[in-house]
Amino acid sequence: MAKNIKSISDEVCDYLKKQKLLPIPVQTLNEEVEATRYFGGDLKEFIAAAKTLGAKSIFVETLYLEDDEFFYDSGMDDEEYLETYGNDCCCGGDCKCGCCEDKKAGKKSKKAKEEDAEEDGVWLEPEDLDGLDLTLLKPEIAKYMDRVGESCGVRLTVPGVDHLEVEIFADWYDEFAELVDEASEIIEDDPVAALEDMQAAFEAAEKEAEEAEKAAKAADKAKGTKKIAAHPPKKSK
């Protein structure tokens, strides 16, 4: 019988109990209303800080690997995009052409795109690649797909008006996160080249899938073909 393997959450909770701190399972519902101070040390240092603050218990929130972590996220929202690329509305502030709405939606104005196209032929920012599959740049990331929904870490919080917080992750998740960071850096260094590489990888995967499907159909057809036994003709009496 296979042994029960403890998750990172279970291990951290056991450690808290040994340190005479009560782990209290919690779930964050609205991070915007939280007054949080992020701790920069490791788990042992966090425990020491919690005790110094007079904590008798620790909030423990289990973190899980989510499927959207396999896709590129620039981290830039619509407001940040507008602030970064400025307001070059051709209508002088009273927008009638729709370019401001485009920028709010994360798009560059038509005029700006035309100018970029004339200069460079292709215009791309990392934000334009938001949502693209990172496994196309780093195929090693795909091996972690089986872990989606699995506990990958814990968020520990010292209760109080100002929350002291730290996140502890499993070793395998740190390896996954490093691969994601590497793929993201490729996009941020050269979005155009990254997109070309991703398209090539996608087309290669599509071709491989088609060939595998054809081979499977051919194998099924061969299995379904019945062999007819040949018998010598009967001799007439």
C-alpha atoms as a PDB file:
ATOM      1  CA  MET A   1       0.000   0.000   0.000  1.00  0.00           C
ATOM      2  CA  ALA A   2       1.327   3.438  -0.982  1.00  0.00           C
ATOM      3  CA  LYS A   3       2.275   5.757   1.852  1.00  0.00           C
ATOM      4  CA  ASN A   4       0.256   8.941   2.364  1.00  0.00           C
ATOM      5  CA  ILE A   5       2.373  11.853   1.192  1.00  0.00           C
ATOM      6  CA  LYS A   6       1.838  15.068   3.139  1.00  0.00           C
ATOM      7  CA  SER A   7       1.218  18.255   1.204  1.00  0.00           C
ATOM      8  CA  ILE A   8       3.228  21.411   1.817  1.00  0.00           C
ATOM      9  CA  SER A   9       0.197  22.738   3.712  1.00  0.00           C
ATOM     10  CA  ASP A  10       0.177  19.765   6.098  1.00  0.00           C
ATOM     11  CA  GLU A  11       3.922  20.032   6.690  1.00  0.00           C
ATOM     12  CA  VAL A  12       3.739  23.735   7.530  1.00  0.00           C
ATOM     13  CA  CYS A  13       0.772  23.233   9.856  1.00  0.00           C
ATOM     14  CA  ASP A  14       2.650  20.465  11.705  1.00  0.00           C
ATOM     15  CA  TYR A  15       5.634  22.796  12.073  1.00  0.00           C
ATOM     16  CA  LEU A  16       3.425  25.567  13.470  1.00  0.00           C
ATOM     17  CA  LYS A  17       2.017  23.203  16.085  1.00  0.00           C
ATOM     18  CA  LYS A  18       5.523  22.219  17.164  1.00  0.00           C
ATOM     19  CA  GLN A  19       6.246  25.923  17.633  1.00  0.00           C
ATOM     20  CA  LYS A  20       3.178  26.145  19.908  1.00  0.00           C
ATOM     21  CA  LEU A  21       1.202  28.231  17.412  1.00  0.00           C
ATOM     22  CA  LEU A  22      -2.317  27.292  16.367  1.00  0.00           C
ATOM     23  CA  PRO A  23      -2.777  27.015  12.573  1.00  0.00           C
ATOM     24  CA  ILE A  24      -6.191  28.411  11.577  1.00  0.00           C
ATOM     25  CA  PRO A  25      -7.373  27.562   8.017  1.00  0.00           C
ATOM     26  CA  VAL A  26      -8.606  30.663   6.171  1.00  0.00           C
ATOM     27  CA  GLN A  27      -9.449  31.840   2.651  1.00  0.00           C
ATOM     28  CA  THR A  28      -8.817  35.287   1.171  1.00  0.00           C
ATOM     29  CA  LEU A  29     -11.982  36.704  -0.387  1.00  0.00           C
ATOM     30  CA  ASN A  30     -10.999  40.300  -1.098  1.00  0.00           C
ATOM     31  CA  GLU A  31      -7.319  41.188  -1.111  1.00  0.00           C
ATOM     32  CA  GLU A  32      -8.044  44.863  -1.815  1.00  0.00           C
ATOM     33  CA  VAL A  33      -9.490  45.470   1.652  1.00  0.00           C
ATOM     34  CA  GLU A  34      -6.586  43.809   3.452  1.00  0.00           C
ATOM     35  CA  ALA A  35      -3.871  45.879   5.165  1.00  0.00           C
ATOM     36  CA  THR A  36      -0.993  43.495   4.521  1.00  0.00           C
ATOM     37  CA  ARG A  37       2.726  43.648   5.294  1.00  0.00           C
ATOM     38  CA  TYR A  38       4.719  41.085   3.309  1.00  0.00           C
ATOM     39  CA  PHE A  39       7.478  39.341   5.235  1.00  0.00           C
ATOM     40  CA  GLY A  40      10.829  39.072   3.480  1.00  0.00           C
ATOM     41  CA  GLY A  41      12.414  36.207   5.465  1.00  0.00           C
ATOM     42  CA  ASP A  42      11.989  32.438   5.611  1.00  0.00           C
ATOM     43  CA  LEU A  43       9.557  30.338   7.656  1.00  0.00           C
ATOM     44  CA  LYS A  44      11.688  30.211  10.826  1.00  0.00           C
ATOM     45  CA  GLU A  45      12.207  33.969  10.772  1.00  0.00           C
ATOM     46  CA  PHE A  46       8.496  34.499  10.219  1.00  0.00           C
ATOM     47  CA  ILE A  47       7.666  32.338  13.258  1.00  0.00           C
ATOM     48  CA  ALA A  48      10.108  34.347  15.380  1.00  0.00           C
ATOM     49  CA  ALA A  49       8.510  37.596  14.199  1.00  0.00           C
ATOM     50  CA  ALA A  50       5.015  36.237  14.914  1.00  0.00           C
ATOM     51  CA  LYS A  51       5.968  35.332  18.468  1.00  0.00           C
ATOM     52  CA  THR A  52       7.558  38.732  18.998  1.00  0.00           C
ATOM     53  CA  LEU A  53       4.277  40.308  17.910  1.00  0.00           C
ATOM     54  CA  GLY A  54       2.511  38.211  20.531  1.00  0.00           C
ATOM     55  CA  ALA A  55       0.683  35.900  18.129  1.00  0.00           C
ATOM     56  CA  LYS A  56      -1.011  32.828  19.610  1.00  0.00           C
ATOM     57  CA  SER A  57      -2.311  31.544  16.316  1.00  0.00           C
ATOM     58  CA  ILE A  58      -1.576  31.787  12.586  1.00  0.00           C
ATOM     59  CA  PHE A  59      -4.004  32.022   9.675  1.00  0.00           C
ATOM     60  CA  VAL A  60      -3.148  29.327   7.116  1.00  0.00           C
ATOM     61  CA  GLU A  61      -4.474  29.577   3.556  1.00  0.00           C
ATOM     62  CA  THR A  62      -3.707  26.659   1.252  1.00  0.00           C
ATOM     63  CA  LEU A  63      -2.634  27.693  -2.257  1.00  0.00           C
ATOM     64  CA  TYR A  64      -3.318  25.563  -5.329  1.00  0.00           C
ATOM     65  CA  LEU A  65      -1.787  25.376  -8.787  1.00  0.00           C
ATOM     66  CA  GLU A  66      -4.259  26.948 -11.221  1.00  0.00           C
ATOM     67  CA  ASP A  67      -4.537  26.326 -14.949  1.00  0.00           C
ATOM     68  CA  ASP A  68      -4.234  30.025 -15.841  1.00  0.00           C
ATOM     69  CA  GLU A  69      -0.636  29.964 -14.540  1.00  0.00           C
ATOM     70  CA  PHE A  70       0.347  28.150 -17.745  1.00  0.00           C
ATOM     71  CA  PHE A  71      -0.459  31.244 -19.812  1.00  0.00           C
ATOM     72  CA  TYR A  72       1.485  34.489 -20.129  1.00  0.00           C
ATOM     73  CA  ASP A  73       0.399  37.356 -17.901  1.00  0.00           C
ATOM     74  CA  SER A  74       2.123  40.706 -18.344  1.00  0.00           C
ATOM     75  CA  GLY A  75       0.537  41.984 -15.152  1.00  0.00           C
ATOM     76  CA  MET A  76      -0.528  45.195 -16.885  1.00  0.00           C
ATOM     77  CA  ASP A  77      -4.187  46.181 -16.596  1.00  0.00           C
ATOM     78  CA  ASP A  78      -6.075  48.653 -18.815  1.00  0.00           C
ATOM     79  CA  GLU A  79      -5.273  51.709 -16.674  1.00  0.00           C
ATOM     80  CA  GLU A  80      -1.553  50.895 -16.575  1.00  0.00           C
ATOM     81  CA  TYR A  81      -1.567  50.409 -20.352  1.00  0.00           C
ATOM     82  CA  LEU A  82      -3.130  53.837 -20.861  1.00  0.00           C
ATOM     83  CA  GLU A  83      -0.652  55.482 -18.489  1.00  0.00           C
ATOM     84  CA  THR A  84       2.307  53.750 -20.164  1.00  0.00           C
ATOM     85  CA  TYR A  85       1.433  54.607 -23.756  1.00  0.00           C
ATOM     86  CA  GLY A  86      -0.130  57.990 -23.038  1.00  0.00           C
ATOM     87  CA  ASN A  87      -3.073  59.712 -24.666  1.00  0.00           C
ATOM     88  CA  ASP A  88      -2.396  60.483 -28.318  1.00  0.00           C
ATOM     89  CA  CYS A  89      -6.018  60.957 -29.304  1.00  0.00           C
ATOM     90  CA  CYS A  90      -6.264  62.714 -32.640  1.00  0.00           C
ATOM     91  CA  CYS A  91      -9.494  64.473 -31.590  1.00  0.00           C
ATOM     92  CA  GLY A  92      -7.830  66.694 -28.994  1.00  0.00           C
ATOM     93  CA  GLY A  93      -9.331  65.105 -25.892  1.00  0.00           C
ATOM     94  CA  ASP A  94     -12.948  64.889 -27.117  1.00  0.00           C
ATOM     95  CA  CYS A  95     -12.595  61.443 -28.657  1.00  0.00           C
ATOM     96  CA  LYS A  96     -14.815  60.759 -31.660  1.00  0.00           C
ATOM     97  CA  CYS A  97     -12.654  58.280 -33.561  1.00  0.00           C
ATOM     98  CA  GLY A  98     -12.727  55.499 -30.944  1.00  0.00           C
ATOM     99  CA  CYS A  99      -8.954  55.316 -30.388  1.00  0.00           C
ATOM    100  CA  CYS A 100      -9.294  56.075 -26.666  1.00  0.00           C
ATOM    101  CA  GLU A 101     -11.716  53.201 -26.242  1.00  0.00           C
ATOM    102  CA  ASP A 102      -9.234  50.970 -28.033  1.00  0.00           C
ATOM    103  CA  LYS A 103      -6.510  51.941 -25.585  1.00  0.00           C
ATOM    104  CA  LYS A 104      -8.784  51.306 -22.614  1.00  0.00           C
ATOM    105  CA  ALA A 105      -9.355  47.838 -24.060  1.00  0.00           C
ATOM    106  CA  GLY A 106      -5.597  47.293 -24.178  1.00  0.00           C
ATOM    107  CA  LYS A 107      -5.131  48.280 -27.827  1.00  0.00           C
ATOM    108  CA  LYS A 108      -3.005  50.940 -29.458  1.00  0.00           C
ATOM    109  CA  SER A 109      -4.721  53.651 -31.489  1.00  0.00           C
ATOM    110  CA  LYS A 110      -5.151  53.126 -35.215  1.00  0.00           C
ATOM    111  CA  LYS A 111      -2.974  56.150 -35.962  1.00  0.00           C
ATOM    112  CA  ALA A 112      -0.180  54.889 -33.683  1.00  0.00           C
ATOM    113  CA  LYS A 113      -0.350  51.393 -35.190  1.00  0.00           C
ATOM    114  CA  GLU A 114      -0.110  52.783 -38.719  1.00  0.00           C
ATOM    115  CA  GLU A 115       2.925  54.855 -37.750  1.00  0.00           C
ATOM    116  CA  ASP A 116       4.607  51.830 -36.146  1.00  0.00           C
ATOM    117  CA  ALA A 117       3.786  49.627 -39.126  1.00  0.00           C
ATOM    118  CA  GLU A 118       5.435  52.141 -41.468  1.00  0.00           C
ATOM    119  CA  GLU A 119       8.586  52.231 -39.347  1.00  0.00           C
ATOM    120  CA  ASP A 120       9.005  48.617 -38.241  1.00  0.00           C
ATOM    121  CA  GLY A 121       6.539  46.533 -40.220  1.00  0.00           C
ATOM    122  CA  VAL A 122       5.424  44.759 -37.018  1.00  0.00           C
ATOM    123  CA  TRP A 123       4.517  46.321 -33.665  1.00  0.00           C
ATOM    124  CA  LEU A 124       4.116  44.208 -30.552  1.00  0.00           C
ATOM    125  CA  GLU A 125       4.364  44.780 -26.819  1.00  0.00           C
ATOM    126  CA  PRO A 126       4.517  41.967 -24.223  1.00  0.00           C
ATOM    127  CA  GLU A 127       0.960  42.923 -23.191  1.00  0.00           C
ATOM    128  CA  ASP A 128      -0.237  41.899 -26.666  1.00  0.00           C
ATOM    129  CA  LEU A 129       0.786  38.314 -25.896  1.00  0.00           C
ATOM    130  CA  ASP A 130      -1.268  38.058 -22.703  1.00  0.00           C
ATOM    131  CA  GLY A 131      -3.029  34.698 -22.493  1.00  0.00           C
ATOM    132  CA  LEU A 132      -0.708  32.789 -24.837  1.00  0.00           C
ATOM    133  CA  ASP A 133       0.332  29.252 -23.895  1.00  0.00           C
ATOM    134  CA  LEU A 134       3.800  29.289 -22.285  1.00  0.00           C
ATOM    135  CA  THR A 135       4.319  25.583 -22.992  1.00  0.00           C
ATOM    136  CA  LEU A 136       4.918  26.590 -26.613  1.00  0.00           C
ATOM    137  CA  LEU A 137       8.082  28.371 -25.470  1.00  0.00           C
ATOM    138  CA  LYS A 138       9.026  26.009 -22.644  1.00  0.00           C
ATOM    139  CA  PRO A 139       7.647  22.484 -23.317  1.00  0.00           C
ATOM    140  CA  GLU A 140       8.946  21.379 -19.876  1.00  0.00           C
ATOM    141  CA  ILE A 141       6.125  23.396 -18.290  1.00  0.00           C
ATOM    142  CA  ALA A 142       3.566  20.950 -19.674  1.00  0.00           C
ATOM    143  CA  LYS A 143       4.672  18.176 -17.286  1.00  0.00           C
ATOM    144  CA  TYR A 144       3.116  20.151 -14.411  1.00  0.00           C
ATOM    145  CA  MET A 145      -0.373  20.139 -15.948  1.00  0.00           C
ATOM    146  CA  ASP A 146      -1.188  16.952 -14.052  1.00  0.00           C
ATOM    147  CA  ARG A 147      -0.694  18.926 -10.825  1.00  0.00           C
ATOM    148  CA  VAL A 148      -3.420  21.523 -11.549  1.00  0.00           C
ATOM    149  CA  GLY A 149      -5.634  21.725  -8.460  1.00  0.00           C
ATOM    150  CA  GLU A 150      -2.894  20.305  -6.237  1.00  0.00           C
ATOM    151  CA  SER A 151      -1.691  22.122  -3.119  1.00  0.00           C
ATOM    152  CA  CYS A 152       1.454  24.001  -4.102  1.00  0.00           C
ATOM    153  CA  GLY A 153       1.990  26.242  -1.079  1.00  0.00           C
ATOM    154  CA  VAL A 154       0.521  28.106   1.870  1.00  0.00           C
ATOM    155  CA  ARG A 155      -0.048  31.743   2.773  1.00  0.00           C
ATOM    156  CA  LEU A 156       0.601  32.394   6.473  1.00  0.00           C
ATOM    157  CA  THR A 157      -0.792  35.506   8.153  1.00  0.00           C
ATOM    158  CA  VAL A 158      -0.341  36.871  11.663  1.00  0.00           C
ATOM    159  CA  PRO A 159      -3.807  38.116  12.749  1.00  0.00           C
ATOM    160  CA  GLY A 160      -4.051  41.819  13.496  1.00  0.00           C
ATOM    161  CA  VAL A 161      -5.025  45.191  12.109  1.00  0.00           C
ATOM    162  CA  ASP A 162      -1.924  45.142   9.909  1.00  0.00           C
ATOM    163  CA  HIS A 163      -1.441  41.583   8.665  1.00  0.00           C
ATOM    164  CA  LEU A 164       2.090  40.186   8.536  1.00  0.00           C
ATOM    165  CA  GLU A 165       2.134  37.673   5.706  1.00  0.00           C
ATOM    166  CA  VAL A 166       4.491  35.203   4.049  1.00  0.00           C
ATOM    167  CA  GLU A 167       4.028  32.573   1.332  1.00  0.00           C
ATOM    168  CA  ILE A 168       5.788  29.183   1.471  1.00  0.00           C
ATOM    169  CA  PHE A 169       5.866  26.984  -1.627  1.00  0.00           C
ATOM    170  CA  ALA A 170       6.687  23.344  -2.364  1.00  0.00           C
ATOM    171  CA  ASP A 171       9.978  22.658  -4.135  1.00  0.00           C
ATOM    172  CA  TRP A 172       8.238  21.398  -7.280  1.00  0.00           C
ATOM    173  CA  TYR A 173       6.245  24.631  -7.537  1.00  0.00           C
ATOM    174  CA  ASP A 174       9.423  26.714  -7.259  1.00  0.00           C
ATOM    175  CA  GLU A 175      10.793  24.751 -10.238  1.00  0.00           C
ATOM    176  CA  PHE A 176       7.558  25.338 -12.166  1.00  0.00           C
ATOM    177  CA  ALA A 177       7.598  29.068 -11.344  1.00  0.00           C
ATOM    178  CA  GLU A 178      11.205  29.343 -12.542  1.00  0.00           C
ATOM    179  CA  LEU A 179      10.251  27.870 -15.925  1.00  0.00           C
ATOM    180  CA  VAL A 180       7.299  30.270 -16.176  1.00  0.00           C
ATOM    181  CA  ASP A 181       9.609  33.201 -15.393  1.00  0.00           C
ATOM    182  CA  GLU A 182      12.071  32.068 -18.067  1.00  0.00           C
ATOM    183  CA  ALA A 183       9.313  31.809 -20.692  1.00  0.00           C
ATOM    184  CA  SER A 184       7.955  35.225 -19.654  1.00  0.00           C
ATOM    185  CA  GLU A 185      11.416  36.783 -19.988  1.00  0.00           C
ATOM    186  CA  ILE A 186      11.666  35.446 -23.549  1.00  0.00           C
ATOM    187  CA  ILE A 187       8.428  37.262 -24.391  1.00  0.00           C
ATOM    188  CA  GLU A 188       9.492  40.472 -22.671  1.00  0.00           C
ATOM    189  CA  ASP A 189      12.935  40.499 -24.343  1.00  0.00           C
ATOM    190  CA  ASP A 190      11.545  40.133 -27.877  1.00  0.00           C
ATOM    191  CA  PRO A 191       7.742  39.759 -28.248  1.00  0.00           C
ATOM    192  CA  VAL A 192       7.875  39.440 -32.041  1.00  0.00           C
ATOM    193  CA  ALA A 193      10.443  36.618 -32.040  1.00  0.00           C
ATOM    194  CA  ALA A 194       8.630  34.909 -29.151  1.00  0.00           C
ATOM    195  CA  LEU A 195       5.332  34.975 -31.055  1.00  0.00           C
ATOM    196  CA  GLU A 196       7.018  33.503 -34.141  1.00  0.00           C
ATOM    197  CA  ASP A 197       8.527  30.697 -32.040  1.00  0.00           C
ATOM    198  CA  MET A 198       5.159  29.987 -30.401  1.00  0.00           C
ATOM    199  CA  GLN A 199       3.385  29.865 -33.766  1.00  0.00           C
ATOM    200  CA  ALA A 200       6.002  27.484 -35.148  1.00  0.00           C
ATOM    201  CA  ALA A 201       5.706  25.229 -32.086  1.00  0.00           C
ATOM    202  CA  PHE A 202       1.911  25.264 -32.354  1.00  0.00           C
ATOM    203  CA  GLU A 203       1.974  24.322 -36.039  1.00  0.00           C
ATOM    204  CA  ALA A 204       4.467  21.525 -35.344  1.00  0.00           C
ATOM    205  CA  ALA A 205       2.247  20.179 -32.545  1.00  0.00           C
ATOM    206  CA  GLU A 206      -0.804  20.341 -34.812  1.00  0.00           C
ATOM    207  CA  LYS A 207       1.015  18.432 -37.562  1.00  0.00           C
ATOM    208  CA  GLU A 208       2.226  15.803 -35.085  1.00  0.00           C
ATOM    209  CA  ALA A 209      -1.308  15.372 -33.737  1.00  0.00           C
ATOM    210  CA  GLU A 210      -2.704  14.946 -37.274  1.00  0.00           C
ATOM    211  CA  GLU A 211      -0.087  12.333 -38.129  1.00  0.00           C
ATOM    212  CA  ALA A 212      -0.791  10.461 -34.882  1.00  0.00           C
ATOM    213  CA  GLU A 213      -4.518  10.504 -35.653  1.00  0.00           C
ATOM    214  CA  LYS A 214      -3.927   9.134 -39.165  1.00  0.00           C
ATOM    215  CA  ALA A 215      -1.681   6.387 -37.770  1.00  0.00           C
ATOM    216  CA  ALA A 216      -4.331   5.462 -35.178  1.00  0.00           C
ATOM    217  CA  LYS A 217      -7.046   5.279 -37.860  1.00  0.00           C
ATOM    218  CA  ALA A 218      -4.817   3.124 -40.060  1.00  0.00           C
ATOM    219  CA  ALA A 219      -4.143   0.779 -37.132  1.00  0.00           C
ATOM    220  CA  ASP A 220      -7.872   0.506 -36.332  1.00  0.00           C
ATOM    221  CA  LYS A 221      -8.630  -0.234 -39.981  1.00  0.00           C
ATOM    222  CA  ALA A 222      -5.976  -2.955 -40.085  1.00  0.00           C
ATOM    223  CA  LYS A 223      -7.433  -4.579 -36.964  1.00  0.00           C
ATOM    224  CA  GLY A 224     -10.912  -4.571 -38.478  1.00  0.00           C
ATOM    225  CA  THR A 225      -9.853  -6.357 -41.678  1.00  0.00           C
ATOM    226  CA  LYS A 226     -10.786 -10.048 -41.487  1.00  0.00           C
ATOM    227  CA  LYS A 227      -8.529 -12.577 -43.114  1.00  0.00           C
ATOM    228  CA  ILE A 228     -10.351 -15.080 -45.376  1.00  0.00           C
ATOM    229  CA  ALA A 229      -8.990 -18.599 -45.048  1.00  0.00           C
ATOM    230  CA  ALA A 230      -8.254 -20.302 -48.353  1.00  0.00           C
ATOM    231  CA  HIS A 231      -9.469 -23.898 -48.600  1.00  0.00           C
ATOM    232  CA  PRO A 232      -8.587 -26.296 -51.420  1.00  0.00           C
ATOM    233  CA  PRO A 233     -11.558 -27.265 -53.638  1.00  0.00           C
ATOM    234  CA  LYS A 234     -13.315 -30.495 -52.736  1.00  0.00           C
ATOM    235  CA  LYS A 235     -12.551 -33.428 -55.004  1.00  0.00           C
ATOM    236  CA  SER A 236     -15.536 -34.739 -56.884  1.00  0.00           C
ATOM    237  CA  LYS A 237     -16.372 -38.377 -56.304  1.00  0.00           C
END
